[in-house]
Amino acid sequence: MLPGSIQTFPFEERINDNGRLFTSESYYANSQKGLYLYAYRYAQGGTLIPKKKAGQKIFFKDQIFDDMSEIALYLTQSIPFQHIMSDSIIYENPPLLALKYPLTINQKWTYRKPGHPWHIEKKIVAEEEIKVPAGSFVCFKIQWLMDIKNDLVWDDDIVFYDYVCEKGLIKRYILIKNVKQVDEQGETSLIDSTDEAVLIKVTLK
C-alpha cells in the first residue's frame, strides 16, 4: 500500500547484466482503463550496482553513462542513473499508463506528456511469438516513441520495443544509434549499442 491508500501490487525484478546484479521493485495498479505504474525502488540496501567499469564512457543526449543498462534506466525513468539513490522509492505523479486496455494492434497512448520531462507514446505494432529461457509466449510488440528534446519530432536514433503477454514483460529490446563512446585510452568512436532483457523465470508469491 502506497501513501494515499493506493492499492498497488509490487513486482520484483532481478537483473544479471554480465555479472552485475541488481534488484528493483515496481508498484502497479490495475483498472478498467489500463495498468498504471505508480512508483519504483532499487536495491534494498547496499549499493545499487556493484563496482562499475573503469575508463569507458558513453555520451548520449547530453548525459554521460558507463554502459547501455544505465541508458535504458534513463530512458524509462527519465532521471540520470547517478541520481538514483539505493532503496529510495521514486514516485510518478501522475502515475504512468504502462498498458492501455484493450490490447489491440495499432492501439496507441501517451506514457509521458511533453515536458514531464519529455514526451513518450507507446504503440502496439504487431503480435509475435517470442522464445526466451522462461518459455515461448505469444506477445504484443509495443513500440516506444520518444521525443527527448520536446521538439515535436520522434527521436530516430532510439529503437525501443517491449514484448508483453498475460504473464507480463517477456522481452525488452533497445537500440541506440550513433552514440559517442570513449574508451580507456581516450579514443572516441561512434557506435550503435543495444540492450536486451529477457525473462528467465516467473515467481508468484
N, C-alpha and C. Protein backbone atom coordinates (compact mmCIF):
# COMPACT_ATOMS: atom_id res chain seq x y z
N MET A 1 0.85 -1.19 0.00
CA MET A 1 0.00 0.00 0.00
C MET A 1 0.88 1.25 0.00
N LEU A 2 0.74 2.09 -1.00
CA LEU A 2 1.49 3.33 -1.07
C LEU A 2 0.74 4.44 -0.33
N PRO A 3 1.43 5.55 0.00
CA PRO A 3 0.75 6.67 0.65
C PRO A 3 -0.47 7.12 -0.15
N GLY A 4 -1.54 7.51 0.57
CA GLY A 4 -2.76 7.92 -0.10
C GLY A 4 -3.71 6.76 -0.30
N SER A 5 -3.45 5.62 0.37
CA SER A 5 -4.33 4.46 0.31
C SER A 5 -4.47 3.90 -1.10
N ILE A 6 -3.41 4.00 -1.91
CA ILE A 6 -3.41 3.41 -3.24
C ILE A 6 -3.02 1.95 -3.14
N GLN A 7 -3.93 1.06 -3.55
CA GLN A 7 -3.64 -0.37 -3.52
C GLN A 7 -2.84 -0.73 -4.77
N THR A 8 -1.57 -1.09 -4.58
CA THR A 8 -0.72 -1.46 -5.70
C THR A 8 -0.16 -2.86 -5.48
N PHE A 9 0.35 -3.42 -6.56
CA PHE A 9 0.98 -4.73 -6.49
C PHE A 9 2.46 -4.56 -6.83
N PRO A 10 3.36 -4.99 -5.92
CA PRO A 10 4.80 -4.87 -6.20
C PRO A 10 5.29 -6.01 -7.08
N PHE A 11 6.10 -5.67 -8.06
CA PHE A 11 6.75 -6.65 -8.92
C PHE A 11 8.27 -6.52 -8.72
N GLU A 12 8.89 -7.59 -8.24
CA GLU A 12 10.33 -7.56 -8.03
C GLU A 12 11.04 -8.11 -9.26
N GLU A 13 12.06 -7.39 -9.71
CA GLU A 13 12.87 -7.82 -10.84
C GLU A 13 14.31 -7.99 -10.38
N ARG A 14 14.93 -9.07 -10.82
CA ARG A 14 16.35 -9.29 -10.54
C ARG A 14 17.06 -9.41 -11.88
N ILE A 15 18.00 -8.52 -12.12
CA ILE A 15 18.66 -8.43 -13.41
C ILE A 15 20.14 -8.77 -13.26
N ASN A 16 20.61 -9.67 -14.14
CA ASN A 16 22.02 -10.00 -14.21
C ASN A 16 22.56 -9.42 -15.50
N ASP A 17 23.35 -8.35 -15.38
CA ASP A 17 23.92 -7.67 -16.54
C ASP A 17 25.40 -8.00 -16.62
N ASN A 18 25.70 -9.14 -17.29
CA ASN A 18 27.09 -9.57 -17.43
C ASN A 18 27.80 -9.65 -16.07
N GLY A 19 27.12 -10.25 -15.10
CA GLY A 19 27.71 -10.43 -13.78
C GLY A 19 27.43 -9.31 -12.80
N ARG A 20 26.86 -8.19 -13.29
CA ARG A 20 26.49 -7.08 -12.40
C ARG A 20 25.04 -7.29 -11.99
N LEU A 21 24.81 -7.53 -10.73
CA LEU A 21 23.48 -7.89 -10.25
C LEU A 21 22.82 -6.71 -9.53
N PHE A 22 21.54 -6.48 -9.82
CA PHE A 22 20.78 -5.54 -9.01
C PHE A 22 19.31 -5.90 -9.06
N THR A 23 18.58 -5.43 -8.06
CA THR A 23 17.16 -5.72 -7.96
C THR A 23 16.37 -4.42 -8.02
N SER A 24 15.14 -4.53 -8.48
CA SER A 24 14.24 -3.38 -8.48
C SER A 24 12.85 -3.87 -8.13
N GLU A 25 12.02 -2.95 -7.68
CA GLU A 25 10.65 -3.27 -7.31
C GLU A 25 9.76 -2.18 -7.87
N SER A 26 8.79 -2.57 -8.71
CA SER A 26 7.87 -1.62 -9.32
C SER A 26 6.48 -1.82 -8.74
N TYR A 27 5.75 -0.72 -8.58
CA TYR A 27 4.42 -0.77 -7.95
C TYR A 27 3.36 -0.40 -8.98
N TYR A 28 2.50 -1.37 -9.30
CA TYR A 28 1.48 -1.20 -10.32
C TYR A 28 0.08 -1.32 -9.73
N ALA A 29 -0.87 -0.66 -10.38
CA ALA A 29 -2.28 -0.81 -10.04
C ALA A 29 -3.06 -1.03 -11.33
N ASN A 30 -4.02 -1.94 -11.29
CA ASN A 30 -4.83 -2.27 -12.46
C ASN A 30 -6.17 -1.56 -12.40
N SER A 31 -6.67 -1.15 -13.55
CA SER A 31 -8.00 -0.55 -13.63
C SER A 31 -8.65 -0.98 -14.93
N GLN A 32 -9.89 -0.58 -15.14
CA GLN A 32 -10.56 -0.93 -16.39
C GLN A 32 -9.89 -0.27 -17.59
N LYS A 33 -9.29 0.89 -17.36
CA LYS A 33 -8.64 1.62 -18.45
C LYS A 33 -7.29 1.03 -18.80
N GLY A 34 -6.53 0.56 -17.79
CA GLY A 34 -5.22 0.02 -18.09
C GLY A 34 -4.41 -0.26 -16.84
N LEU A 35 -3.14 -0.56 -17.06
CA LEU A 35 -2.20 -0.85 -15.98
C LEU A 35 -1.35 0.38 -15.74
N TYR A 36 -1.35 0.87 -14.48
CA TYR A 36 -0.65 2.10 -14.14
C TYR A 36 0.58 1.81 -13.28
N LEU A 37 1.66 2.52 -13.59
CA LEU A 37 2.87 2.46 -12.79
C LEU A 37 2.89 3.66 -11.85
N TYR A 38 2.96 3.38 -10.54
CA TYR A 38 2.92 4.43 -9.52
C TYR A 38 4.30 4.77 -8.96
N ALA A 39 5.16 3.78 -8.83
CA ALA A 39 6.45 4.04 -8.18
C ALA A 39 7.38 2.87 -8.44
N TYR A 40 8.69 3.09 -8.14
CA TYR A 40 9.67 2.02 -8.22
C TYR A 40 10.77 2.28 -7.21
N ARG A 41 11.48 1.19 -6.90
CA ARG A 41 12.55 1.27 -5.91
C ARG A 41 13.66 0.32 -6.34
N TYR A 42 14.93 0.72 -6.06
CA TYR A 42 16.08 -0.09 -6.46
C TYR A 42 16.87 -0.55 -5.25
N ALA A 43 17.38 -1.77 -5.36
CA ALA A 43 18.38 -2.33 -4.44
C ALA A 43 18.05 -2.09 -2.98
N GLN A 44 17.40 -3.06 -2.37
CA GLN A 44 17.04 -2.94 -0.96
C GLN A 44 18.29 -3.11 -0.10
N GLY A 45 18.91 -1.97 0.21
CA GLY A 45 20.14 -2.00 1.00
C GLY A 45 21.35 -2.19 0.11
N GLY A 46 22.48 -1.70 0.55
CA GLY A 46 23.72 -1.86 -0.20
C GLY A 46 23.76 -0.92 -1.39
N THR A 47 24.74 -1.12 -2.26
CA THR A 47 24.89 -0.27 -3.43
C THR A 47 23.94 -0.72 -4.52
N LEU A 48 23.61 0.21 -5.40
CA LEU A 48 22.68 -0.10 -6.48
C LEU A 48 23.26 -1.15 -7.41
N ILE A 49 24.46 -0.91 -7.91
CA ILE A 49 25.15 -1.87 -8.76
C ILE A 49 26.59 -1.97 -8.26
N PRO A 50 27.09 -3.19 -8.05
CA PRO A 50 28.47 -3.32 -7.60
C PRO A 50 29.45 -2.71 -8.60
N LYS A 51 30.61 -2.36 -8.11
CA LYS A 51 31.74 -1.81 -8.85
C LYS A 51 31.52 -1.63 -10.35
N LYS A 52 31.52 -0.39 -10.79
CA LYS A 52 31.31 -0.08 -12.20
C LYS A 52 32.58 -0.28 -13.01
N LYS A 53 32.39 -0.34 -14.32
CA LYS A 53 33.53 -0.45 -15.22
C LYS A 53 34.33 0.85 -15.17
N ALA A 54 35.64 0.71 -15.27
CA ALA A 54 36.50 1.89 -15.24
C ALA A 54 36.88 2.28 -16.66
N GLY A 55 36.98 3.58 -16.88
CA GLY A 55 37.51 4.07 -18.15
C GLY A 55 36.50 4.36 -19.22
N GLN A 56 35.78 3.36 -19.69
CA GLN A 56 34.86 3.55 -20.81
C GLN A 56 33.67 4.41 -20.44
N LYS A 57 33.31 5.34 -21.33
CA LYS A 57 32.16 6.20 -21.13
C LYS A 57 31.35 6.27 -22.42
N ILE A 58 30.05 6.44 -22.26
CA ILE A 58 29.16 6.62 -23.40
C ILE A 58 28.44 7.95 -23.24
N PHE A 59 28.43 8.77 -24.28
CA PHE A 59 27.77 10.07 -24.26
C PHE A 59 26.49 9.98 -25.08
N PHE A 60 25.37 10.32 -24.42
CA PHE A 60 24.07 10.19 -25.08
C PHE A 60 23.12 11.25 -24.53
N LYS A 61 22.53 12.05 -25.42
CA LYS A 61 21.55 13.07 -25.04
C LYS A 61 22.08 13.98 -23.92
N ASP A 62 23.31 14.43 -24.08
CA ASP A 62 23.95 15.36 -23.14
C ASP A 62 24.15 14.77 -21.75
N GLN A 63 24.16 13.45 -21.65
CA GLN A 63 24.43 12.77 -20.39
C GLN A 63 25.58 11.80 -20.59
N ILE A 64 26.27 11.45 -19.50
CA ILE A 64 27.38 10.51 -19.54
C ILE A 64 26.98 9.22 -18.82
N PHE A 65 27.23 8.08 -19.47
CA PHE A 65 26.85 6.78 -18.92
C PHE A 65 28.03 5.82 -18.98
N ASP A 66 27.98 4.81 -18.11
CA ASP A 66 29.01 3.77 -18.14
C ASP A 66 28.69 2.68 -19.16
N ASP A 67 27.40 2.40 -19.37
CA ASP A 67 27.03 1.34 -20.31
C ASP A 67 25.56 1.50 -20.71
N MET A 68 25.09 0.56 -21.55
CA MET A 68 23.73 0.64 -22.08
C MET A 68 22.66 0.41 -21.02
N SER A 69 22.97 -0.38 -19.98
CA SER A 69 21.96 -0.62 -18.95
C SER A 69 21.59 0.68 -18.25
N GLU A 70 22.56 1.59 -18.09
CA GLU A 70 22.27 2.89 -17.48
C GLU A 70 21.42 3.75 -18.42
N ILE A 71 21.68 3.68 -19.72
CA ILE A 71 20.86 4.42 -20.69
C ILE A 71 19.42 3.91 -20.67
N ALA A 72 19.25 2.60 -20.55
CA ALA A 72 17.91 2.02 -20.51
C ALA A 72 17.12 2.56 -19.31
N LEU A 73 17.77 2.65 -18.14
CA LEU A 73 17.11 3.21 -16.97
C LEU A 73 16.76 4.69 -17.20
N TYR A 74 17.65 5.41 -17.82
CA TYR A 74 17.43 6.83 -18.07
C TYR A 74 16.22 7.03 -19.00
N LEU A 75 16.11 6.21 -20.04
CA LEU A 75 15.00 6.35 -20.99
C LEU A 75 13.66 6.01 -20.34
N THR A 76 13.63 4.97 -19.53
CA THR A 76 12.36 4.53 -18.96
C THR A 76 11.95 5.33 -17.74
N GLN A 77 12.92 5.85 -16.98
CA GLN A 77 12.57 6.53 -15.74
C GLN A 77 13.01 7.98 -15.69
N SER A 78 13.62 8.45 -16.76
CA SER A 78 13.81 9.89 -17.02
C SER A 78 14.70 10.63 -16.02
N ILE A 79 15.48 9.89 -15.23
CA ILE A 79 16.41 10.56 -14.32
C ILE A 79 17.79 9.97 -14.56
N PRO A 80 18.85 10.80 -14.48
CA PRO A 80 20.20 10.27 -14.67
C PRO A 80 20.50 9.17 -13.68
N PHE A 81 21.15 8.12 -14.16
CA PHE A 81 21.47 6.96 -13.33
C PHE A 81 22.19 7.36 -12.05
N GLN A 82 23.09 8.34 -12.15
CA GLN A 82 23.90 8.72 -10.99
C GLN A 82 23.06 9.32 -9.87
N HIS A 83 21.84 9.78 -10.18
CA HIS A 83 20.99 10.42 -9.18
C HIS A 83 20.05 9.45 -8.48
N ILE A 84 20.08 8.17 -8.87
CA ILE A 84 19.21 7.19 -8.24
C ILE A 84 19.81 6.75 -6.91
N MET A 85 19.05 6.91 -5.84
CA MET A 85 19.51 6.54 -4.52
C MET A 85 19.04 5.13 -4.19
N SER A 86 19.96 4.32 -3.69
CA SER A 86 19.64 2.95 -3.34
C SER A 86 18.55 2.91 -2.27
N ASP A 87 17.55 2.04 -2.51
CA ASP A 87 16.48 1.73 -1.56
C ASP A 87 15.49 2.88 -1.36
N SER A 88 15.56 3.93 -2.17
CA SER A 88 14.57 5.00 -2.06
C SER A 88 13.47 4.78 -3.08
N ILE A 89 12.24 5.15 -2.74
CA ILE A 89 11.10 4.99 -3.64
C ILE A 89 10.97 6.24 -4.51
N ILE A 90 10.86 6.03 -5.80
CA ILE A 90 10.68 7.11 -6.76
C ILE A 90 9.23 7.06 -7.23
N TYR A 91 8.50 8.16 -7.02
CA TYR A 91 7.07 8.20 -7.35
C TYR A 91 6.86 8.86 -8.70
N GLU A 92 5.87 8.39 -9.43
CA GLU A 92 5.43 9.01 -10.67
C GLU A 92 4.11 9.74 -10.38
N ASN A 93 4.12 11.06 -10.58
CA ASN A 93 2.93 11.86 -10.32
C ASN A 93 2.68 12.79 -11.51
N PRO A 94 1.62 12.51 -12.30
CA PRO A 94 0.64 11.44 -12.14
C PRO A 94 1.23 10.08 -12.51
N PRO A 95 0.56 9.00 -12.08
CA PRO A 95 1.04 7.66 -12.45
C PRO A 95 1.04 7.49 -13.96
N LEU A 96 1.92 6.60 -14.43
CA LEU A 96 2.09 6.39 -15.86
C LEU A 96 1.23 5.23 -16.34
N LEU A 97 0.59 5.42 -17.50
CA LEU A 97 -0.23 4.37 -18.10
C LEU A 97 0.69 3.42 -18.86
N ALA A 98 1.09 2.34 -18.19
CA ALA A 98 2.03 1.39 -18.78
C ALA A 98 1.41 0.60 -19.91
N LEU A 99 0.16 0.18 -19.73
CA LEU A 99 -0.59 -0.55 -20.76
C LEU A 99 -2.00 -0.02 -20.82
N LYS A 100 -2.49 0.24 -22.02
CA LYS A 100 -3.86 0.69 -22.19
C LYS A 100 -4.72 -0.46 -22.70
N TYR A 101 -5.84 -0.69 -22.04
CA TYR A 101 -6.74 -1.78 -22.43
C TYR A 101 -7.82 -1.26 -23.38
N PRO A 102 -8.32 -2.13 -24.27
CA PRO A 102 -7.85 -3.49 -24.53
C PRO A 102 -6.57 -3.46 -25.37
N LEU A 103 -5.76 -4.50 -25.22
CA LEU A 103 -4.54 -4.59 -26.00
C LEU A 103 -4.89 -5.06 -27.41
N THR A 104 -4.75 -4.18 -28.37
CA THR A 104 -5.06 -4.49 -29.76
C THR A 104 -4.00 -3.84 -30.65
N ILE A 105 -3.75 -4.45 -31.79
CA ILE A 105 -2.77 -3.90 -32.72
C ILE A 105 -3.22 -2.52 -33.19
N ASN A 106 -2.28 -1.59 -33.24
CA ASN A 106 -2.47 -0.18 -33.60
C ASN A 106 -2.99 0.67 -32.44
N GLN A 107 -3.24 0.07 -31.28
CA GLN A 107 -3.58 0.86 -30.10
C GLN A 107 -2.40 1.75 -29.74
N LYS A 108 -2.67 3.04 -29.45
CA LYS A 108 -1.62 3.99 -29.15
C LYS A 108 -2.05 4.86 -27.97
N TRP A 109 -1.11 5.20 -27.09
CA TRP A 109 -1.46 6.02 -25.93
C TRP A 109 -0.25 6.81 -25.44
N THR A 110 -0.52 7.82 -24.64
CA THR A 110 0.54 8.65 -24.07
C THR A 110 1.05 8.02 -22.78
N TYR A 111 2.38 7.85 -22.70
CA TYR A 111 3.02 7.34 -21.50
C TYR A 111 3.55 8.48 -20.64
N ARG A 112 4.25 9.42 -21.26
CA ARG A 112 4.67 10.65 -20.59
C ARG A 112 4.23 11.84 -21.44
N LYS A 113 3.66 12.83 -20.79
CA LYS A 113 3.25 14.04 -21.50
C LYS A 113 4.47 14.91 -21.81
N PRO A 114 4.41 15.72 -22.86
CA PRO A 114 5.53 16.61 -23.17
C PRO A 114 5.89 17.47 -21.96
N GLY A 115 7.19 17.56 -21.69
CA GLY A 115 7.66 18.36 -20.56
C GLY A 115 7.71 17.61 -19.25
N HIS A 116 7.40 16.31 -19.21
CA HIS A 116 7.39 15.53 -17.95
C HIS A 116 8.30 14.31 -18.01
N PRO A 117 9.59 14.43 -18.11
CA PRO A 117 10.29 15.61 -18.62
C PRO A 117 10.33 15.65 -20.14
N TRP A 118 9.95 14.53 -20.77
CA TRP A 118 9.85 14.53 -22.23
C TRP A 118 8.68 13.66 -22.66
N HIS A 119 8.35 13.74 -23.93
CA HIS A 119 7.16 13.09 -24.47
C HIS A 119 7.48 11.64 -24.85
N ILE A 120 6.65 10.71 -24.35
CA ILE A 120 6.74 9.31 -24.74
C ILE A 120 5.34 8.79 -25.05
N GLU A 121 5.21 8.14 -26.18
CA GLU A 121 3.99 7.42 -26.50
C GLU A 121 4.33 5.96 -26.77
N LYS A 122 3.34 5.09 -26.57
CA LYS A 122 3.51 3.68 -26.88
C LYS A 122 2.49 3.27 -27.93
N LYS A 123 2.89 2.31 -28.77
CA LYS A 123 2.01 1.83 -29.82
C LYS A 123 2.20 0.33 -30.01
N ILE A 124 1.09 -0.40 -30.05
CA ILE A 124 1.15 -1.84 -30.32
C ILE A 124 1.23 -2.03 -31.83
N VAL A 125 2.34 -2.59 -32.30
CA VAL A 125 2.59 -2.65 -33.74
C VAL A 125 2.42 -4.05 -34.33
N ALA A 126 2.45 -5.09 -33.49
CA ALA A 126 2.35 -6.44 -34.02
C ALA A 126 2.08 -7.43 -32.90
N GLU A 127 1.85 -8.67 -33.28
CA GLU A 127 1.73 -9.78 -32.34
C GLU A 127 2.70 -10.86 -32.81
N GLU A 128 3.62 -11.28 -31.93
CA GLU A 128 4.67 -12.20 -32.31
C GLU A 128 4.89 -13.26 -31.23
N GLU A 129 5.35 -14.43 -31.67
CA GLU A 129 5.76 -15.46 -30.72
C GLU A 129 7.22 -15.23 -30.35
N ILE A 130 7.49 -15.14 -29.05
CA ILE A 130 8.83 -14.88 -28.54
C ILE A 130 9.30 -16.06 -27.72
N LYS A 131 10.53 -16.52 -28.01
CA LYS A 131 11.12 -17.62 -27.25
C LYS A 131 12.24 -17.08 -26.37
N VAL A 132 12.11 -17.32 -25.07
CA VAL A 132 13.09 -16.88 -24.07
C VAL A 132 13.35 -18.06 -23.14
N PRO A 133 14.34 -17.97 -22.25
CA PRO A 133 14.61 -19.09 -21.34
C PRO A 133 13.40 -19.53 -20.51
N ALA A 134 12.47 -18.63 -20.25
CA ALA A 134 11.29 -18.99 -19.45
C ALA A 134 10.25 -19.73 -20.27
N GLY A 135 10.41 -19.78 -21.62
CA GLY A 135 9.45 -20.49 -22.46
C GLY A 135 9.11 -19.70 -23.71
N SER A 136 8.06 -20.13 -24.40
CA SER A 136 7.58 -19.47 -25.61
C SER A 136 6.26 -18.76 -25.30
N PHE A 137 6.14 -17.52 -25.75
CA PHE A 137 4.96 -16.71 -25.44
C PHE A 137 4.52 -15.94 -26.69
N VAL A 138 3.23 -15.89 -26.91
CA VAL A 138 2.68 -15.03 -27.95
C VAL A 138 2.48 -13.65 -27.34
N CYS A 139 3.19 -12.66 -27.87
CA CYS A 139 3.26 -11.34 -27.24
C CYS A 139 2.78 -10.24 -28.16
N PHE A 140 2.31 -9.17 -27.56
CA PHE A 140 2.12 -7.92 -28.27
C PHE A 140 3.45 -7.18 -28.32
N LYS A 141 3.82 -6.73 -29.51
CA LYS A 141 5.05 -5.96 -29.69
C LYS A 141 4.72 -4.48 -29.56
N ILE A 142 5.27 -3.84 -28.52
CA ILE A 142 4.91 -2.46 -28.20
C ILE A 142 6.10 -1.55 -28.46
N GLN A 143 5.92 -0.58 -29.33
CA GLN A 143 6.97 0.36 -29.67
C GLN A 143 6.90 1.58 -28.75
N TRP A 144 8.08 2.01 -28.26
CA TRP A 144 8.18 3.26 -27.50
C TRP A 144 8.61 4.36 -28.48
N LEU A 145 7.85 5.43 -28.52
CA LEU A 145 8.17 6.60 -29.34
C LEU A 145 8.60 7.72 -28.41
N MET A 146 9.80 8.28 -28.62
CA MET A 146 10.36 9.24 -27.68
C MET A 146 10.73 10.55 -28.36
N ASP A 147 10.39 11.65 -27.68
CA ASP A 147 10.79 12.99 -28.11
C ASP A 147 11.50 13.65 -26.93
N ILE A 148 12.78 13.29 -26.75
CA ILE A 148 13.51 13.75 -25.58
C ILE A 148 13.77 15.25 -25.62
N LYS A 149 13.92 15.82 -26.81
CA LYS A 149 14.15 17.25 -26.94
C LYS A 149 12.86 18.07 -26.84
N ASN A 150 11.71 17.41 -26.81
CA ASN A 150 10.42 18.10 -26.80
C ASN A 150 10.31 19.07 -27.98
N ASP A 151 10.77 18.60 -29.16
CA ASP A 151 10.70 19.44 -30.36
C ASP A 151 9.64 18.96 -31.35
N LEU A 152 8.73 18.09 -30.87
CA LEU A 152 7.62 17.57 -31.67
C LEU A 152 8.07 16.63 -32.78
N VAL A 153 9.29 16.09 -32.65
CA VAL A 153 9.82 15.12 -33.61
C VAL A 153 10.27 13.88 -32.85
N TRP A 154 9.78 12.72 -33.26
CA TRP A 154 10.21 11.48 -32.60
C TRP A 154 11.69 11.23 -32.88
N ASP A 155 12.42 10.83 -31.85
CA ASP A 155 13.86 10.59 -31.99
C ASP A 155 14.09 9.34 -32.85
N ASP A 156 14.81 9.50 -33.97
CA ASP A 156 15.05 8.37 -34.86
C ASP A 156 16.31 7.60 -34.50
N ASP A 157 17.03 8.04 -33.45
CA ASP A 157 18.22 7.31 -33.02
C ASP A 157 17.93 6.35 -31.88
N ILE A 158 16.65 6.20 -31.52
CA ILE A 158 16.23 5.27 -30.46
C ILE A 158 15.24 4.28 -31.05
N VAL A 159 15.57 2.99 -30.98
CA VAL A 159 14.65 1.92 -31.38
C VAL A 159 14.35 1.12 -30.12
N PHE A 160 13.08 1.10 -29.70
CA PHE A 160 12.74 0.57 -28.38
C PHE A 160 11.44 -0.24 -28.50
N TYR A 161 11.51 -1.54 -28.14
CA TYR A 161 10.34 -2.41 -28.19
C TYR A 161 10.22 -3.22 -26.90
N ASP A 162 8.99 -3.34 -26.40
CA ASP A 162 8.64 -4.29 -25.36
C ASP A 162 7.79 -5.39 -25.97
N TYR A 163 7.94 -6.60 -25.43
CA TYR A 163 7.12 -7.74 -25.85
C TYR A 163 6.37 -8.21 -24.61
N VAL A 164 5.04 -8.07 -24.64
CA VAL A 164 4.21 -8.25 -23.45
C VAL A 164 3.11 -9.26 -23.73
N CYS A 165 2.86 -10.14 -22.76
CA CYS A 165 1.71 -11.05 -22.81
C CYS A 165 1.04 -11.05 -21.45
N GLU A 166 0.13 -12.01 -21.23
CA GLU A 166 -0.60 -12.03 -19.96
C GLU A 166 0.32 -12.32 -18.78
N LYS A 167 1.51 -12.87 -19.03
CA LYS A 167 2.48 -13.12 -17.97
C LYS A 167 3.27 -11.87 -17.60
N GLY A 168 3.17 -10.83 -18.44
CA GLY A 168 3.91 -9.60 -18.18
C GLY A 168 4.92 -9.32 -19.28
N LEU A 169 5.99 -8.59 -18.92
CA LEU A 169 7.03 -8.23 -19.86
C LEU A 169 7.94 -9.43 -20.10
N ILE A 170 7.99 -9.89 -21.34
CA ILE A 170 8.77 -11.08 -21.69
C ILE A 170 10.15 -10.70 -22.22
N LYS A 171 10.18 -9.62 -22.98
CA LYS A 171 11.45 -9.20 -23.59
C LYS A 171 11.44 -7.69 -23.79
N ARG A 172 12.60 -7.07 -23.65
CA ARG A 172 12.77 -5.65 -23.95
C ARG A 172 14.02 -5.49 -24.82
N TYR A 173 13.86 -4.76 -25.92
CA TYR A 173 14.97 -4.55 -26.85
C TYR A 173 15.15 -3.05 -27.08
N ILE A 174 16.38 -2.56 -26.90
CA ILE A 174 16.69 -1.15 -27.12
C ILE A 174 17.93 -1.06 -28.00
N LEU A 175 17.83 -0.27 -29.06
CA LEU A 175 18.97 0.04 -29.93
C LEU A 175 19.17 1.54 -29.92
N ILE A 176 20.37 1.98 -29.60
CA ILE A 176 20.73 3.39 -29.64
C ILE A 176 21.74 3.57 -30.77
N LYS A 177 21.42 4.45 -31.71
CA LYS A 177 22.27 4.63 -32.89
C LYS A 177 23.24 5.80 -32.69
N ASN A 178 24.46 5.59 -33.20
CA ASN A 178 25.46 6.66 -33.29
C ASN A 178 25.74 7.36 -31.95
N VAL A 179 25.93 6.56 -30.90
CA VAL A 179 26.33 7.16 -29.62
C VAL A 179 27.86 7.30 -29.61
N LYS A 180 28.34 8.31 -28.91
CA LYS A 180 29.78 8.53 -28.82
C LYS A 180 30.35 7.73 -27.66
N GLN A 181 31.32 6.89 -27.96
CA GLN A 181 31.98 6.09 -26.93
C GLN A 181 33.43 6.51 -26.79
N VAL A 182 33.87 6.68 -25.55
CA VAL A 182 35.27 7.00 -25.25
C VAL A 182 35.84 5.84 -24.45
N ASP A 183 36.90 5.20 -24.97
CA ASP A 183 37.46 4.04 -24.29
C ASP A 183 38.50 4.44 -23.24
N GLU A 184 39.15 3.43 -22.65
CA GLU A 184 40.09 3.66 -21.56
C GLU A 184 41.29 4.50 -21.98
N GLN A 185 41.62 4.48 -23.27
CA GLN A 185 42.75 5.25 -23.78
C GLN A 185 42.35 6.64 -24.27
N GLY A 186 41.05 6.97 -24.14
CA GLY A 186 40.59 8.27 -24.59
C GLY A 186 40.23 8.33 -26.06
N GLU A 187 40.25 7.18 -26.75
CA GLU A 187 39.88 7.13 -28.16
C GLU A 187 38.36 7.22 -28.30
N THR A 188 37.91 8.04 -29.26
CA THR A 188 36.47 8.28 -29.46
C THR A 188 35.99 7.58 -30.72
N SER A 189 34.80 6.99 -30.64
CA SER A 189 34.19 6.35 -31.80
C SER A 189 32.68 6.48 -31.71
N LEU A 190 32.01 6.38 -32.86
CA LEU A 190 30.56 6.35 -32.91
C LEU A 190 30.11 4.91 -33.09
N ILE A 191 29.19 4.47 -32.24
CA ILE A 191 28.75 3.08 -32.28
C ILE A 191 27.23 3.00 -32.21
N ASP A 192 26.69 1.88 -32.68
CA ASP A 192 25.31 1.51 -32.40
C ASP A 192 25.35 0.52 -31.24
N SER A 193 24.61 0.79 -30.20
CA SER A 193 24.67 -0.03 -28.99
C SER A 193 23.29 -0.59 -28.66
N THR A 194 23.25 -1.84 -28.23
CA THR A 194 21.98 -2.48 -27.92
C THR A 194 21.93 -2.94 -26.46
N ASP A 195 20.72 -3.01 -25.94
CA ASP A 195 20.46 -3.56 -24.62
C ASP A 195 19.24 -4.46 -24.75
N GLU A 196 19.37 -5.70 -24.32
CA GLU A 196 18.26 -6.65 -24.43
C GLU A 196 18.06 -7.36 -23.09
N ALA A 197 16.83 -7.36 -22.62
CA ALA A 197 16.49 -8.08 -21.39
C ALA A 197 15.43 -9.12 -21.73
N VAL A 198 15.60 -10.34 -21.23
CA VAL A 198 14.63 -11.41 -21.49
C VAL A 198 14.23 -12.06 -20.18
N LEU A 199 13.04 -12.64 -20.16
CA LEU A 199 12.51 -13.27 -18.97
C LEU A 199 13.16 -14.64 -18.78
N ILE A 200 13.75 -14.83 -17.60
CA ILE A 200 14.36 -16.11 -17.24
C ILE A 200 13.40 -16.99 -16.47
N LYS A 201 12.70 -16.37 -15.50
CA LYS A 201 11.80 -17.14 -14.64
C LYS A 201 10.77 -16.23 -14.02
N VAL A 202 9.55 -16.75 -13.83
CA VAL A 202 8.49 -16.01 -13.15
C VAL A 202 8.22 -16.68 -11.81
N THR A 203 8.22 -15.91 -10.73
CA THR A 203 7.93 -16.44 -9.41
C THR A 203 6.75 -15.67 -8.83
N LEU A 204 5.66 -16.38 -8.55
CA LEU A 204 4.47 -15.76 -7.97
C LEU A 204 4.39 -16.14 -6.49
N LYS A 205 4.15 -15.13 -5.64
CA LYS A 205 4.06 -15.38 -4.20
C LYS A 205 2.62 -15.29 -3.76
